[in-house]
């Protein structure tokens, strides 16, 4: 097996596959943005201005085509990758400190863990 490589505009903090069949790759970057790319070609699809600090976590929501991001700013956001809107579909202060972990627990539930020593489950609807 081999791999492919793509240069990103800033340091990569996290990466996740999302969309139908993992067709999209999302990379959380040190500048707070998220680079969204085609999994097949690695071609750039869009850049999301996601966080005020490092976008430390990204996760695809199964079967919804949505992307969840969390960052050192303590904020959790979701994004509709199929839509044209630049605004998040969910925007909340998840932790009092940096978010260090993010996982999709189901198509509508997200789990986060923060530097504030709290673990939380969120309804992404």
PDB file of N, CA and C in Angstrom:
ATOM      1  N   UNK A   1       0.828  -1.181   0.000  1.00  0.00           N
ATOM      2  CA  UNK A   1       0.000   0.000   0.000  1.00  0.00           C
ATOM      3  C   UNK A   1       0.867   1.237   0.000  1.00  0.00           C
ATOM      4  N   UNK A   2       0.319   2.261  -0.537  1.00  0.00           N
ATOM      5  CA  UNK A   2       0.999   3.536  -0.559  1.00  0.00           C
ATOM      6  C   UNK A   2       0.102   4.610  -0.009  1.00  0.00           C
ATOM      7  N   UNK A   3       0.615   5.778   0.072  1.00  0.00           N
ATOM      8  CA  UNK A   3      -0.153   6.899   0.592  1.00  0.00           C
ATOM      9  C   UNK A   3       0.045   8.103  -0.291  1.00  0.00           C
ATOM     10  N   UNK A   4      -0.767   9.079  -0.038  1.00  0.00           N
ATOM     11  CA  UNK A   4      -0.651  10.353  -0.739  1.00  0.00           C
ATOM     12  C   UNK A   4      -0.456  11.437   0.292  1.00  0.00           C
ATOM     13  N   UNK A   5       0.168  12.508  -0.115  1.00  0.00           N
ATOM     14  CA  UNK A   5       0.466  13.593   0.805  1.00  0.00           C
ATOM     15  C   UNK A   5       0.003  14.902   0.203  1.00  0.00           C
ATOM     16  N   UNK A   6      -0.484  15.787   1.064  1.00  0.00           N
ATOM     17  CA  UNK A   6      -0.879  17.121   0.629  1.00  0.00           C
ATOM     18  C   UNK A   6      -0.319  18.118   1.637  1.00  0.00           C
ATOM     19  N   UNK A   7       0.201  19.213   1.157  1.00  0.00           N
ATOM     20  CA  UNK A   7       0.714  20.259   2.034  1.00  0.00           C
ATOM     21  C   UNK A   7      -0.453  21.106   2.533  1.00  0.00           C
ATOM     22  N   UNK A   8      -0.485  21.345   3.826  1.00  0.00           N
ATOM     23  CA  UNK A   8      -1.523  22.175   4.435  1.00  0.00           C
ATOM     24  C   UNK A   8      -0.933  23.541   4.773  1.00  0.00           C
ATOM     25  N   UNK A   9      -1.790  24.591   4.804  1.00  0.00           N
ATOM     26  CA  UNK A   9      -1.281  25.935   5.010  1.00  0.00           C
ATOM     27  C   UNK A   9      -0.765  26.224   6.410  1.00  0.00           C
ATOM     28  N   UNK A  10      -1.109  25.408   7.388  1.00  0.00           N
ATOM     29  CA  UNK A  10      -0.573  25.582   8.738  1.00  0.00           C
ATOM     30  C   UNK A  10      -0.499  24.218   9.386  1.00  0.00           C
ATOM     31  N   UNK A  11       0.034  24.124  10.601  1.00  0.00           N
ATOM     32  CA  UNK A  11       0.183  22.835  11.256  1.00  0.00           C
ATOM     33  C   UNK A  11      -1.144  22.141  11.460  1.00  0.00           C
ATOM     34  N   UNK A  12      -1.164  20.836  11.290  1.00  0.00           N
ATOM     35  CA  UNK A  12      -2.390  20.044  11.415  1.00  0.00           C
ATOM     36  C   UNK A  12      -2.506  19.515  12.836  1.00  0.00           C
ATOM     37  N   UNK A  13      -3.661  19.778  13.472  1.00  0.00           N
ATOM     38  CA  UNK A  13      -3.895  19.318  14.831  1.00  0.00           C
ATOM     39  C   UNK A  13      -4.731  18.045  14.875  1.00  0.00           C
ATOM     40  N   UNK A  14      -5.604  17.831  13.880  1.00  0.00           N
ATOM     41  CA  UNK A  14      -6.503  16.676  13.888  1.00  0.00           C
ATOM     42  C   UNK A  14      -7.008  16.416  12.484  1.00  0.00           C
ATOM     43  N   UNK A  15      -7.440  15.185  12.215  1.00  0.00           N
ATOM     44  CA  UNK A  15      -7.998  14.851  10.900  1.00  0.00           C
ATOM     45  C   UNK A  15      -9.122  13.835  11.084  1.00  0.00           C
ATOM     46  N   UNK A  16     -10.165  13.922  10.231  1.00  0.00           N
ATOM     47  CA  UNK A  16     -11.289  12.989  10.288  1.00  0.00           C
ATOM     48  C   UNK A  16     -11.862  12.789   8.902  1.00  0.00           C
ATOM     49  N   UNK A  17     -12.436  11.612   8.675  1.00  0.00           N
ATOM     50  CA  UNK A  17     -13.177  11.335   7.448  1.00  0.00           C
ATOM     51  C   UNK A  17     -14.653  11.565   7.739  1.00  0.00           C
ATOM     52  N   UNK A  18     -15.360  12.156   6.798  1.00  0.00           N
ATOM     53  CA  UNK A  18     -16.782  12.407   6.997  1.00  0.00           C
ATOM     54  C   UNK A  18     -17.478  12.423   5.649  1.00  0.00           C
ATOM     55  N   UNK A  19     -18.773  12.666   5.660  1.00  0.00           N
ATOM     56  CA  UNK A  19     -19.554  12.632   4.439  1.00  0.00           C
ATOM     57  C   UNK A  19     -19.908  11.201   4.083  1.00  0.00           C
ATOM     58  N   UNK A  20     -20.693  11.048   3.049  1.00  0.00           N
ATOM     59  CA  UNK A  20     -21.146   9.726   2.622  1.00  0.00           C
ATOM     60  C   UNK A  20     -19.956   8.838   2.293  1.00  0.00           C
ATOM     61  N   UNK A  21     -19.801   7.751   3.009  1.00  0.00           N
ATOM     62  CA  UNK A  21     -18.724   6.810   2.758  1.00  0.00           C
ATOM     63  C   UNK A  21     -17.338   7.362   3.023  1.00  0.00           C
ATOM     64  N   UNK A  22     -17.225   8.392   3.855  1.00  0.00           N
ATOM     65  CA  UNK A  22     -15.924   8.982   4.144  1.00  0.00           C
ATOM     66  C   UNK A  22     -15.331   9.700   2.953  1.00  0.00           C
ATOM     67  N   UNK A  23     -16.192  10.305   2.125  1.00  0.00           N
ATOM     68  CA  UNK A  23     -15.756  10.944   0.885  1.00  0.00           C
ATOM     69  C   UNK A  23     -15.002  12.244   1.102  1.00  0.00           C
ATOM     70  N   UNK A  24     -15.033  12.769   2.311  1.00  0.00           N
ATOM     71  CA  UNK A  24     -14.404  14.050   2.608  1.00  0.00           C
ATOM     72  C   UNK A  24     -13.443  13.879   3.781  1.00  0.00           C
ATOM     73  N   UNK A  25     -12.294  14.522   3.688  1.00  0.00           N
ATOM     74  CA  UNK A  25     -11.345  14.582   4.794  1.00  0.00           C
ATOM     75  C   UNK A  25     -11.334  16.005   5.332  1.00  0.00           C
ATOM     76  N   UNK A  26     -11.334  16.140   6.644  1.00  0.00           N
ATOM     77  CA  UNK A  26     -11.272  17.456   7.276  1.00  0.00           C
ATOM     78  C   UNK A  26     -10.067  17.484   8.197  1.00  0.00           C
ATOM     79  N   UNK A  27      -9.274  18.543   8.090  1.00  0.00           N
ATOM     80  CA  UNK A  27      -8.083  18.690   8.923  1.00  0.00           C
ATOM     81  C   UNK A  27      -8.211  19.958   9.754  1.00  0.00           C
ATOM     82  N   UNK A  28      -8.194  19.809  11.074  1.00  0.00           N
ATOM     83  CA  UNK A  28      -8.181  20.950  11.976  1.00  0.00           C
ATOM     84  C   UNK A  28      -6.779  21.516  12.037  1.00  0.00           C
ATOM     85  N   UNK A  29      -6.660  22.824  11.869  1.00  0.00           N
ATOM     86  CA  UNK A  29      -5.345  23.446  11.741  1.00  0.00           C
ATOM     87  C   UNK A  29      -5.012  24.352  12.922  1.00  0.00           C
ATOM     88  N   UNK A  30      -3.721  24.615  13.077  1.00  0.00           N
ATOM     89  CA  UNK A  30      -3.216  25.439  14.174  1.00  0.00           C
ATOM     90  C   UNK A  30      -3.752  26.867  14.147  1.00  0.00           C
ATOM     91  N   UNK A  31      -4.144  27.363  12.978  1.00  0.00           N
ATOM     92  CA  UNK A  31      -4.649  28.740  12.893  1.00  0.00           C
ATOM     93  C   UNK A  31      -6.148  28.835  13.182  1.00  0.00           C
ATOM     94  N   UNK A  32      -6.792  27.724  13.578  1.00  0.00           N
ATOM     95  CA  UNK A  32      -8.209  27.711  13.912  1.00  0.00           C
ATOM     96  C   UNK A  32      -9.116  27.366  12.757  1.00  0.00           C
ATOM     97  N   UNK A  33      -8.570  27.254  11.564  1.00  0.00           N
ATOM     98  CA  UNK A  33      -9.392  26.903  10.406  1.00  0.00           C
ATOM     99  C   UNK A  33      -9.437  25.390  10.230  1.00  0.00           C
ATOM    100  N   UNK A  34     -10.360  24.959   9.356  1.00  0.00           N
ATOM    101  CA  UNK A  34     -10.479  23.544   9.012  1.00  0.00           C
ATOM    102  C   UNK A  34     -10.410  23.439   7.495  1.00  0.00           C
ATOM    103  N   UNK A  35      -9.475  22.657   7.011  1.00  0.00           N
ATOM    104  CA  UNK A  35      -9.310  22.418   5.584  1.00  0.00           C
ATOM    105  C   UNK A  35     -10.130  21.191   5.204  1.00  0.00           C
ATOM    106  N   UNK A  36     -11.073  21.364   4.270  1.00  0.00           N
ATOM    107  CA  UNK A  36     -11.944  20.273   3.826  1.00  0.00           C
ATOM    108  C   UNK A  36     -11.498  19.866   2.424  1.00  0.00           C
ATOM    109  N   UNK A  37     -11.228  18.556   2.253  1.00  0.00           N
ATOM    110  CA  UNK A  37     -10.668  18.057   0.996  1.00  0.00           C
ATOM    111  C   UNK A  37     -11.396  16.801   0.547  1.00  0.00           C
ATOM    112  N   UNK A  38     -11.358  16.555  -0.733  1.00  0.00           N
ATOM    113  CA  UNK A  38     -11.873  15.311  -1.293  1.00  0.00           C
ATOM    114  C   UNK A  38     -10.981  14.163  -0.846  1.00  0.00           C
ATOM    115  N   UNK A  39     -11.582  13.092  -0.343  1.00  0.00           N
ATOM    116  CA  UNK A  39     -10.777  11.938   0.072  1.00  0.00           C
ATOM    117  C   UNK A  39     -10.166  11.230  -1.128  1.00  0.00           C
ATOM    118  N   UNK A  40     -10.830  11.291  -2.270  1.00  0.00           N
ATOM    119  CA  UNK A  40     -10.339  10.595  -3.464  1.00  0.00           C
ATOM    120  C   UNK A  40      -9.147  11.304  -4.092  1.00  0.00           C
ATOM    121  N   UNK A  41      -9.240  12.622  -4.235  1.00  0.00           N
ATOM    122  CA  UNK A  41      -8.188  13.356  -4.948  1.00  0.00           C
ATOM    123  C   UNK A  41      -7.316  14.218  -4.051  1.00  0.00           C
ATOM    124  N   UNK A  42      -7.733  14.420  -2.817  1.00  0.00           N
ATOM    125  CA  UNK A  42      -7.114  15.353  -1.868  1.00  0.00           C
ATOM    126  C   UNK A  42      -7.233  16.810  -2.329  1.00  0.00           C
ATOM    127  N   UNK A  43      -8.065  17.039  -3.341  1.00  0.00           N
ATOM    128  CA  UNK A  43      -8.287  18.398  -3.827  1.00  0.00           C
ATOM    129  C   UNK A  43      -9.044  19.226  -2.801  1.00  0.00           C
ATOM    130  N   UNK A  44      -8.684  20.502  -2.721  1.00  0.00           N
ATOM    131  CA  UNK A  44      -9.293  21.427  -1.763  1.00  0.00           C
ATOM    132  C   UNK A  44     -10.749  21.697  -2.142  1.00  0.00           C
ATOM    133  N   UNK A  45     -11.663  21.531  -1.163  1.00  0.00           N
ATOM    134  CA  UNK A  45     -13.074  21.817  -1.382  1.00  0.00           C
ATOM    135  C   UNK A  45     -13.483  23.144  -0.758  1.00  0.00           C
ATOM    136  N   UNK A  46     -13.040  23.377   0.475  1.00  0.00           N
ATOM    137  CA  UNK A  46     -13.348  24.636   1.154  1.00  0.00           C
ATOM    138  C   UNK A  46     -12.524  24.762   2.420  1.00  0.00           C
ATOM    139  N   UNK A  47     -12.445  25.978   2.916  1.00  0.00           N
ATOM    140  CA  UNK A  47     -11.818  26.251   4.202  1.00  0.00           C
ATOM    141  C   UNK A  47     -12.884  26.831   5.113  1.00  0.00           C
ATOM    142  N   UNK A  48     -13.000  26.279   6.294  1.00  0.00           N
ATOM    143  CA  UNK A  48     -13.951  26.770   7.287  1.00  0.00           C
ATOM    144  C   UNK A  48     -13.171  27.566   8.328  1.00  0.00           C
ATOM    145  N   UNK A  49     -13.579  28.808   8.561  1.00  0.00           N
ATOM    146  CA  UNK A  49     -13.008  29.606   9.647  1.00  0.00           C
ATOM    147  C   UNK A  49     -13.761  29.174  10.901  1.00  0.00           C
ATOM    148  N   UNK A  50     -13.171  28.265  11.661  1.00  0.00           N
ATOM    149  CA  UNK A  50     -13.919  27.539  12.682  1.00  0.00           C
ATOM    150  C   UNK A  50     -13.710  28.047  14.109  1.00  0.00           C
ATOM    151  N   UNK A  51     -12.475  28.411  14.465  1.00  0.00           N
ATOM    152  CA  UNK A  51     -12.166  28.709  15.868  1.00  0.00           C
ATOM    153  C   UNK A  51     -11.199  29.876  16.001  1.00  0.00           C
ATOM    154  N   UNK A  52     -11.198  30.475  17.201  1.00  0.00           N
ATOM    155  CA  UNK A  52     -10.318  31.605  17.488  1.00  0.00           C
ATOM    156  C   UNK A  52      -8.899  31.164  17.801  1.00  0.00           C
ATOM    157  N   UNK A  53      -8.717  29.892  18.047  1.00  0.00           N
ATOM    158  CA  UNK A  53      -7.397  29.340  18.360  1.00  0.00           C
ATOM    159  C   UNK A  53      -7.310  27.999  17.627  1.00  0.00           C
ATOM    160  N   UNK A  54      -6.413  27.146  17.998  1.00  0.00           N
ATOM    161  CA  UNK A  54      -6.209  25.863  17.322  1.00  0.00           C
ATOM    162  C   UNK A  54      -7.525  25.088  17.207  1.00  0.00           C
ATOM    163  N   UNK A  55      -7.834  24.592  16.017  1.00  0.00           N
ATOM    164  CA  UNK A  55      -8.951  23.658  15.807  1.00  0.00           C
ATOM    165  C   UNK A  55      -8.420  22.276  16.162  1.00  0.00           C
ATOM    166  N   UNK A  56      -8.537  21.923  17.435  1.00  0.00           N
ATOM    167  CA  UNK A  56      -7.843  20.751  17.970  1.00  0.00           C
ATOM    168  C   UNK A  56      -8.531  19.426  17.674  1.00  0.00           C
ATOM    169  N   UNK A  57      -9.824  19.450  17.325  1.00  0.00           N
ATOM    170  CA  UNK A  57     -10.569  18.212  17.132  1.00  0.00           C
ATOM    171  C   UNK A  57     -11.545  18.343  15.967  1.00  0.00           C
ATOM    172  N   UNK A  58     -11.664  17.303  15.184  1.00  0.00           N
ATOM    173  CA  UNK A  58     -12.666  17.225  14.121  1.00  0.00           C
ATOM    174  C   UNK A  58     -13.263  15.825  14.131  1.00  0.00           C
ATOM    175  N   UNK A  59     -14.562  15.731  13.802  1.00  0.00           N
ATOM    176  CA  UNK A  59     -15.226  14.431  13.727  1.00  0.00           C
ATOM    177  C   UNK A  59     -16.374  14.520  12.747  1.00  0.00           C
ATOM    178  N   UNK A  60     -16.533  13.474  11.943  1.00  0.00           N
ATOM    179  CA  UNK A  60     -17.679  13.385  11.049  1.00  0.00           C
ATOM    180  C   UNK A  60     -18.857  12.789  11.788  1.00  0.00           C
ATOM    181  N   UNK A  61     -20.066  13.335  11.558  1.00  0.00           N
ATOM    182  CA  UNK A  61     -21.275  12.760  12.131  1.00  0.00           C
ATOM    183  C   UNK A  61     -21.807  11.724  11.148  1.00  0.00           C
ATOM    184  N   UNK A  62     -21.853  10.458  11.566  1.00  0.00           N
ATOM    185  CA  UNK A  62     -22.254   9.382  10.654  1.00  0.00           C
ATOM    186  C   UNK A  62     -23.605   9.645   9.996  1.00  0.00           C
ATOM    187  N   UNK A  63     -23.672   9.396   8.726  1.00  0.00           N
ATOM    188  CA  UNK A  63     -24.878   9.448   7.894  1.00  0.00           C
ATOM    189  C   UNK A  63     -25.538  10.815   7.773  1.00  0.00           C
ATOM    190  N   UNK A  64     -24.955  11.861   8.339  1.00  0.00           N
ATOM    191  CA  UNK A  64     -25.588  13.180   8.228  1.00  0.00           C
ATOM    192  C   UNK A  64     -24.843  14.106   7.274  1.00  0.00           C
ATOM    193  N   UNK A  65     -23.605  13.795   6.953  1.00  0.00           N
ATOM    194  CA  UNK A  65     -22.811  14.681   6.114  1.00  0.00           C
ATOM    195  C   UNK A  65     -22.321  15.912   6.841  1.00  0.00           C
ATOM    196  N   UNK A  66     -22.495  15.953   8.151  1.00  0.00           N
ATOM    197  CA  UNK A  66     -22.064  17.102   8.943  1.00  0.00           C
ATOM    198  C   UNK A  66     -20.675  16.852   9.522  1.00  0.00           C
ATOM    199  N   UNK A  67     -20.021  17.942   9.858  1.00  0.00           N
ATOM    200  CA  UNK A  67     -18.701  17.912  10.471  1.00  0.00           C
ATOM    201  C   UNK A  67     -18.788  18.622  11.809  1.00  0.00           C
ATOM    202  N   UNK A  68     -18.197  18.040  12.833  1.00  0.00           N
ATOM    203  CA  UNK A  68     -18.095  18.688  14.140  1.00  0.00           C
ATOM    204  C   UNK A  68     -16.651  19.115  14.347  1.00  0.00           C
ATOM    205  N   UNK A  69     -16.478  20.305  14.930  1.00  0.00           N
ATOM    206  CA  UNK A  69     -15.138  20.797  15.254  1.00  0.00           C
ATOM    207  C   UNK A  69     -15.139  21.312  16.690  1.00  0.00           C
ATOM    208  N   UNK A  70     -13.984  21.257  17.321  1.00  0.00           N
ATOM    209  CA  UNK A  70     -13.812  21.825  18.654  1.00  0.00           C
ATOM    210  C   UNK A  70     -12.394  22.362  18.721  1.00  0.00           C
ATOM    211  N   UNK A  71     -12.184  23.312  19.627  1.00  0.00           N
ATOM    212  CA  UNK A  71     -10.873  23.937  19.644  1.00  0.00           C
ATOM    213  C   UNK A  71     -10.373  24.331  21.015  1.00  0.00           C
ATOM    214  N   UNK A  72      -9.202  24.925  20.988  1.00  0.00           N
ATOM    215  CA  UNK A  72      -8.592  25.421  22.212  1.00  0.00           C
ATOM    216  C   UNK A  72      -9.414  26.560  22.807  1.00  0.00           C
ATOM    217  N   UNK A  73     -10.344  27.143  22.035  1.00  0.00           N
ATOM    218  CA  UNK A  73     -11.219  28.200  22.549  1.00  0.00           C
ATOM    219  C   UNK A  73     -12.365  27.632  23.393  1.00  0.00           C
ATOM    220  N   UNK A  74     -12.449  26.286  23.543  1.00  0.00           N
ATOM    221  CA  UNK A  74     -13.482  25.652  24.348  1.00  0.00           C
ATOM    222  C   UNK A  74     -14.826  25.529  23.665  1.00  0.00           C
ATOM    223  N   UNK A  75     -14.895  25.861  22.377  1.00  0.00           N
ATOM    224  CA  UNK A  75     -16.151  25.897  21.639  1.00  0.00           C
ATOM    225  C   UNK A  75     -16.319  24.638  20.791  1.00  0.00           C
ATOM    226  N   UNK A  76     -17.561  24.144  20.728  1.00  0.00           N
ATOM    227  CA  UNK A  76     -17.957  23.027  19.882  1.00  0.00           C
ATOM    228  C   UNK A  76     -18.874  23.580  18.801  1.00  0.00           C
ATOM    229  N   UNK A  77     -18.597  23.242  17.550  1.00  0.00           N
ATOM    230  CA  UNK A  77     -19.431  23.693  16.429  1.00  0.00           C
ATOM    231  C   UNK A  77     -19.678  22.530  15.477  1.00  0.00           C
ATOM    232  N   UNK A  78     -20.833  22.575  14.797  1.00  0.00           N
ATOM    233  CA  UNK A  78     -21.087  21.642  13.705  1.00  0.00           C
ATOM    234  C   UNK A  78     -21.332  22.437  12.437  1.00  0.00           C
ATOM    235  N   UNK A  79     -21.027  21.803  11.308  1.00  0.00           N
ATOM    236  CA  UNK A  79     -21.083  22.449   9.993  1.00  0.00           C
ATOM    237  C   UNK A  79     -21.773  21.525   9.008  1.00  0.00           C
ATOM    238  N   UNK A  80     -22.668  22.060   8.207  1.00  0.00           N
ATOM    239  CA  UNK A  80     -23.321  21.304   7.143  1.00  0.00           C
ATOM    240  C   UNK A  80     -22.419  21.375   5.911  1.00  0.00           C
ATOM    241  N   UNK A  81     -21.721  20.306   5.614  1.00  0.00           N
ATOM    242  CA  UNK A  81     -20.766  20.331   4.501  1.00  0.00           C
ATOM    243  C   UNK A  81     -21.443  20.385   3.142  1.00  0.00           C
ATOM    244  N   UNK A  82     -22.695  19.949   3.076  1.00  0.00           N
ATOM    245  CA  UNK A  82     -23.412  19.966   1.798  1.00  0.00           C
ATOM    246  C   UNK A  82     -24.032  21.336   1.514  1.00  0.00           C
ATOM    247  N   UNK A  83     -24.229  22.127   2.540  1.00  0.00           N
ATOM    248  CA  UNK A  83     -24.869  23.431   2.371  1.00  0.00           C
ATOM    249  C   UNK A  83     -23.892  24.515   1.981  1.00  0.00           C
ATOM    250  N   UNK A  84     -24.432  25.641   1.569  1.00  0.00           N
ATOM    251  CA  UNK A  84     -23.611  26.770   1.135  1.00  0.00           C
ATOM    252  C   UNK A  84     -23.292  27.735   2.276  1.00  0.00           C
ATOM    253  N   UNK A  85     -23.965  27.587   3.411  1.00  0.00           N
ATOM    254  CA  UNK A  85     -23.789  28.528   4.513  1.00  0.00           C
ATOM    255  C   UNK A  85     -22.400  28.404   5.131  1.00  0.00           C
ATOM    256  N   UNK A  86     -21.837  29.544   5.474  1.00  0.00           N
ATOM    257  CA  UNK A  86     -20.550  29.580   6.174  1.00  0.00           C
ATOM    258  C   UNK A  86     -20.741  29.542   7.682  1.00  0.00           C
ATOM    259  N   UNK A  87     -22.006  29.642   8.147  1.00  0.00           N
ATOM    260  CA  UNK A  87     -22.301  29.682   9.578  1.00  0.00           C
ATOM    261  C   UNK A  87     -22.429  28.262  10.139  1.00  0.00           C
ATOM    262  N   UNK A  88     -22.008  28.067  11.382  1.00  0.00           N
ATOM    263  CA  UNK A  88     -22.176  26.743  11.993  1.00  0.00           C
ATOM    264  C   UNK A  88     -23.645  26.453  12.264  1.00  0.00           C
ATOM    265  N   UNK A  89     -24.006  25.165  12.242  1.00  0.00           N
ATOM    266  CA  UNK A  89     -25.373  24.761  12.562  1.00  0.00           C
ATOM    267  C   UNK A  89     -25.555  24.578  14.066  1.00  0.00           C
ATOM    268  N   UNK A  90     -24.471  24.394  14.797  1.00  0.00           N
ATOM    269  CA  UNK A  90     -24.457  24.333  16.260  1.00  0.00           C
ATOM    270  C   UNK A  90     -23.244  25.116  16.710  1.00  0.00           C
ATOM    271  N   UNK A  91     -23.412  25.956  17.722  1.00  0.00           N
ATOM    272  CA  UNK A  91     -22.316  26.801  18.208  1.00  0.00           C
ATOM    273  C   UNK A  91     -22.492  26.956  19.710  1.00  0.00           C
ATOM    274  N   UNK A  92     -21.651  26.269  20.500  1.00  0.00           N
ATOM    275  CA  UNK A  92     -21.804  26.383  21.949  1.00  0.00           C
ATOM    276  C   UNK A  92     -20.480  26.300  22.672  1.00  0.00           C
ATOM    277  N   UNK A  93     -20.451  26.935  23.830  1.00  0.00           N
ATOM    278  CA  UNK A  93     -19.277  26.856  24.688  1.00  0.00           C
ATOM    279  C   UNK A  93     -19.348  25.508  25.379  1.00  0.00           C
ATOM    280  N   UNK A  94     -18.465  24.604  25.011  1.00  0.00           N
ATOM    281  CA  UNK A  94     -18.498  23.237  25.517  1.00  0.00           C
ATOM    282  C   UNK A  94     -17.699  23.088  26.804  1.00  0.00           C
ATOM    283  N   UNK A  95     -16.608  23.830  26.922  1.00  0.00           N
ATOM    284  CA  UNK A  95     -15.712  23.684  28.068  1.00  0.00           C
ATOM    285  C   UNK A  95     -15.133  25.027  28.459  1.00  0.00           C
ATOM    286  N   UNK A  96     -14.691  25.104  29.709  1.00  0.00           N
ATOM    287  CA  UNK A  96     -14.059  26.312  30.211  1.00  0.00           C
ATOM    288  C   UNK A  96     -12.594  26.418  29.832  1.00  0.00           C
ATOM    289  N   UNK A  97     -12.104  25.442  29.112  1.00  0.00           N
ATOM    290  CA  UNK A  97     -10.710  25.410  28.655  1.00  0.00           C
ATOM    291  C   UNK A  97     -10.695  24.669  27.317  1.00  0.00           C
ATOM    292  N   UNK A  98      -9.515  24.415  26.808  1.00  0.00           N
ATOM    293  CA  UNK A  98      -9.359  23.773  25.499  1.00  0.00           C
ATOM    294  C   UNK A  98     -10.077  22.433  25.441  1.00  0.00           C
ATOM    295  N   UNK A  99     -10.682  22.143  24.288  1.00  0.00           N
ATOM    296  CA  UNK A  99     -11.250  20.817  24.035  1.00  0.00           C
ATOM    297  C   UNK A  99     -10.117  19.943  23.513  1.00  0.00           C
ATOM    298  N   UNK A 100      -9.923  18.803  24.155  1.00  0.00           N
ATOM    299  CA  UNK A 100      -8.821  17.898  23.813  1.00  0.00           C
ATOM    300  C   UNK A 100      -9.276  16.654  23.073  1.00  0.00           C
ATOM    301  N   UNK A 101     -10.585  16.356  23.126  1.00  0.00           N
ATOM    302  CA  UNK A 101     -11.086  15.177  22.443  1.00  0.00           C
ATOM    303  C   UNK A 101     -12.520  15.377  21.996  1.00  0.00           C
ATOM    304  N   UNK A 102     -12.864  14.799  20.838  1.00  0.00           N
ATOM    305  CA  UNK A 102     -14.195  14.914  20.260  1.00  0.00           C
ATOM    306  C   UNK A 102     -14.492  13.620  19.517  1.00  0.00           C
ATOM    307  N   UNK A 103     -15.685  13.068  19.730  1.00  0.00           N
ATOM    308  CA  UNK A 103     -16.081  11.851  19.022  1.00  0.00           C
ATOM    309  C   UNK A 103     -17.573  11.895  18.752  1.00  0.00           C
ATOM    310  N   UNK A 104     -17.966  11.338  17.609  1.00  0.00           N
ATOM    311  CA  UNK A 104     -19.380  11.170  17.296  1.00  0.00           C
ATOM    312  C   UNK A 104     -19.836   9.877  17.953  1.00  0.00           C
ATOM    313  N   UNK A 105     -20.732   9.991  18.923  1.00  0.00           N
ATOM    314  CA  UNK A 105     -21.225   8.821  19.641  1.00  0.00           C
ATOM    315  C   UNK A 105     -22.385   8.160  18.896  1.00  0.00           C
ATOM    316  N   UNK A 106     -23.037   8.916  18.016  1.00  0.00           N
ATOM    317  CA  UNK A 106     -24.135   8.434  17.183  1.00  0.00           C
ATOM    318  C   UNK A 106     -24.347   9.486  16.099  1.00  0.00           C
ATOM    319  N   UNK A 107     -25.326   9.321  15.223  1.00  0.00           N
ATOM    320  CA  UNK A 107     -25.562  10.356  14.215  1.00  0.00           C
ATOM    321  C   UNK A 107     -25.961  11.720  14.793  1.00  0.00           C
ATOM    322  N   UNK A 108     -26.421  11.744  16.058  1.00  0.00           N
ATOM    323  CA  UNK A 108     -26.852  13.022  16.639  1.00  0.00           C
ATOM    324  C   UNK A 108     -26.163  13.363  17.955  1.00  0.00           C
ATOM    325  N   UNK A 109     -25.343  12.472  18.502  1.00  0.00           N
ATOM    326  CA  UNK A 109     -24.680  12.739  19.773  1.00  0.00           C
ATOM    327  C   UNK A 109     -23.178  12.908  19.592  1.00  0.00           C
ATOM    328  N   UNK A 110     -22.640  13.923  20.261  1.00  0.00           N
ATOM    329  CA  UNK A 110     -21.202  14.174  20.258  1.00  0.00           C
ATOM    330  C   UNK A 110     -20.678  14.092  21.683  1.00  0.00           C
ATOM    331  N   UNK A 111     -19.493  13.571  21.846  1.00  0.00           N
ATOM    332  CA  UNK A 111     -18.843  13.520  23.147  1.00  0.00           C
ATOM    333  C   UNK A 111     -17.573  14.356  23.081  1.00  0.00           C
ATOM    334  N   UNK A 112     -17.341  15.150  24.133  1.00  0.00           N
ATOM    335  CA  UNK A 112     -16.122  15.960  24.207  1.00  0.00           C
ATOM    336  C   UNK A 112     -15.450  15.750  25.560  1.00  0.00           C
ATOM    337  N   UNK A 113     -14.164  15.988  25.569  1.00  0.00           N
ATOM    338  CA  UNK A 113     -13.410  16.022  26.816  1.00  0.00           C
ATOM    339  C   UNK A 113     -12.526  17.258  26.745  1.00  0.00           C
ATOM    340  N   UNK A 114     -12.467  17.975  27.865  1.00  0.00           N
ATOM    341  CA  UNK A 114     -11.730  19.228  27.863  1.00  0.00           C
ATOM    342  C   UNK A 114     -10.580  19.246  28.835  1.00  0.00           C
ATOM    343  N   UNK A 115      -9.744  20.237  28.671  1.00  0.00           N
ATOM    344  CA  UNK A 115      -8.628  20.446  29.582  1.00  0.00           C
ATOM    345  C   UNK A 115      -9.142  20.843  30.962  1.00  0.00           C
ATOM    346  N   UNK A 116     -10.424  21.213  31.056  1.00  0.00           N
ATOM    347  CA  UNK A 116     -11.048  21.534  32.335  1.00  0.00           C
ATOM    348  C   UNK A 116     -11.420  20.284  33.133  1.00  0.00           C
ATOM    349  N   UNK A 117     -11.009  19.106  32.639  1.00  0.00           N
ATOM    350  CA  UNK A 117     -11.210  17.809  33.291  1.00  0.00           C
ATOM    351  C   UNK A 117     -12.666  17.356  33.260  1.00  0.00           C
ATOM    352  N   UNK A 118     -13.463  17.871  32.326  1.00  0.00           N
ATOM    353  CA  UNK A 118     -14.862  17.472  32.179  1.00  0.00           C
ATOM    354  C   UNK A 118     -15.041  16.683  30.892  1.00  0.00           C
ATOM    355  N   UNK A 119     -15.906  15.670  30.954  1.00  0.00           N
ATOM    356  CA  UNK A 119     -16.340  14.942  29.767  1.00  0.00           C
ATOM    357  C   UNK A 119     -17.829  15.217  29.616  1.00  0.00           C
ATOM    358  N   UNK A 120     -18.261  15.507  28.398  1.00  0.00           N
ATOM    359  CA  UNK A 120     -19.651  15.909  28.152  1.00  0.00           C
ATOM    360  C   UNK A 120     -20.205  15.192  26.940  1.00  0.00           C
ATOM    361  N   UNK A 121     -21.524  15.017  26.921  1.00  0.00           N
ATOM    362  CA  UNK A 121     -22.232  14.487  25.750  1.00  0.00           C
ATOM    363  C   UNK A 121     -23.218  15.545  25.315  1.00  0.00           C
ATOM    364  N   UNK A 122     -23.267  15.802  24.004  1.00  0.00           N
ATOM    365  CA  UNK A 122     -24.064  16.880  23.433  1.00  0.00           C
ATOM    366  C   UNK A 122     -25.002  16.350  22.364  1.00  0.00           C
ATOM    367  N   UNK A 123     -26.234  16.893  22.327  1.00  0.00           N
ATOM    368  CA  UNK A 123     -27.185  16.582  21.278  1.00  0.00           C
ATOM    369  C   UNK A 123     -26.920  17.546  20.125  1.00  0.00           C
ATOM    370  N   UNK A 124     -26.518  17.029  18.992  1.00  0.00           N
ATOM    371  CA  UNK A 124     -26.119  17.871  17.855  1.00  0.00           C
ATOM    372  C   UNK A 124     -27.294  18.276  16.959  1.00  0.00           C
ATOM    373  N   UNK A 125     -28.513  17.927  17.360  1.00  0.00           N
ATOM    374  CA  UNK A 125     -29.679  18.304  16.544  1.00  0.00           C
ATOM    375  C   UNK A 125     -30.015  19.756  16.718  1.00  0.00           C
TER     376      UNK A 125
END
